[in-house]
Protein backbone atom coordinates (compact mmCIF):
# COMPACT_ATOMS: atom_id res chain seq x y z
CA MET A 1 -3.27 -7.23 2.55
CA ARG A 2 -4.39 -4.10 4.68
CA ILE A 3 -5.11 -0.84 3.37
CA GLU A 4 -5.82 2.23 5.37
CA VAL A 5 -7.43 5.57 4.63
CA ASP A 6 -5.83 8.73 6.69
CA PRO A 7 -8.85 10.82 7.17
CA ASP A 8 -6.85 13.96 7.91
CA ARG A 9 -5.45 13.88 4.51
CA CYS A 10 -8.45 12.35 2.27
CA GLU A 11 -10.13 15.43 0.61
CA GLY A 12 -13.07 13.29 -0.90
CA HIS A 13 -12.31 13.35 -4.39
CA ALA A 14 -13.76 9.58 -4.34
CA ARG A 15 -11.12 8.14 -6.92
CA CYS A 16 -10.95 5.38 -4.84
CA TRP A 17 -14.46 4.33 -4.41
CA ASP A 18 -14.70 4.76 -8.24
CA ILE A 19 -11.75 2.42 -8.76
CA SER A 20 -12.42 -0.20 -6.25
CA PRO A 21 -15.84 0.01 -5.32
CA GLY A 22 -15.06 -3.46 -3.35
CA VAL A 23 -13.16 -1.84 -0.83
CA PHE A 24 -13.71 1.25 -0.14
CA GLU A 25 -17.14 3.41 0.52
CA LEU A 26 -17.84 7.19 0.99
CA ASP A 27 -18.64 8.45 4.12
CA GLU A 28 -21.18 11.18 4.66
CA GLN A 29 -19.07 13.80 4.06
CA GLY A 30 -17.84 11.66 0.31
CA HIS A 31 -14.54 10.68 2.27
CA GLY A 32 -13.37 7.50 1.37
CA THR A 33 -13.05 4.60 4.11
CA VAL A 34 -11.94 0.95 4.17
CA ILE A 35 -15.11 -1.72 4.31
CA LEU A 36 -13.02 -4.79 3.80
CA SER A 37 -10.45 -5.54 7.43
CA GLU A 38 -8.01 -7.56 4.91
CA ILE A 39 -7.71 -7.17 1.24
CA PRO A 40 -8.54 -10.10 -0.58
CA ALA A 41 -6.25 -11.18 -3.79
CA GLU A 42 -8.86 -10.62 -6.31
CA LEU A 43 -8.97 -7.16 -5.30
CA ALA A 44 -5.14 -6.40 -4.52
CA GLU A 45 -4.64 -4.78 -7.71
CA GLN A 46 -7.43 -2.69 -7.83
CA ALA A 47 -7.06 -1.28 -4.41
CA ALA A 48 -3.29 -0.71 -5.28
CA ASP A 49 -4.66 1.33 -8.27
CA ALA A 50 -6.79 3.19 -6.08
CA ALA A 51 -4.02 4.09 -3.76
CA ARG A 52 -1.62 5.33 -6.83
CA ASN A 53 -4.52 7.47 -7.62
CA CYS A 54 -5.17 9.37 -4.53
CA PRO A 55 -4.17 13.04 -4.90
CA GLU A 56 -3.20 13.60 -1.47
CA ARG A 57 -1.25 9.76 -1.07
CA ALA A 58 -4.06 8.95 1.62
CA ILE A 59 -4.15 5.43 1.43
CA THR A 60 -1.48 2.80 3.09
CA ILE A 61 -1.06 -0.43 2.08
CA SER A 62 0.67 -2.85 4.34
CA ASP A 63 1.00 -7.00 4.13
């Protein structure tokens, strides 16, 4: 599983980081960034939950 944050859509609500801090971190402006190139199975549900809770739908998941 791979996950990406579109920096043009992210407005820095930090919900992704709050829900899944093992997958996301915040940059200097408070925007979410992905810290893992491949999401391990044990973090997959958290990462998907973070994507569902993004108000801007800036997070995409692919297999």
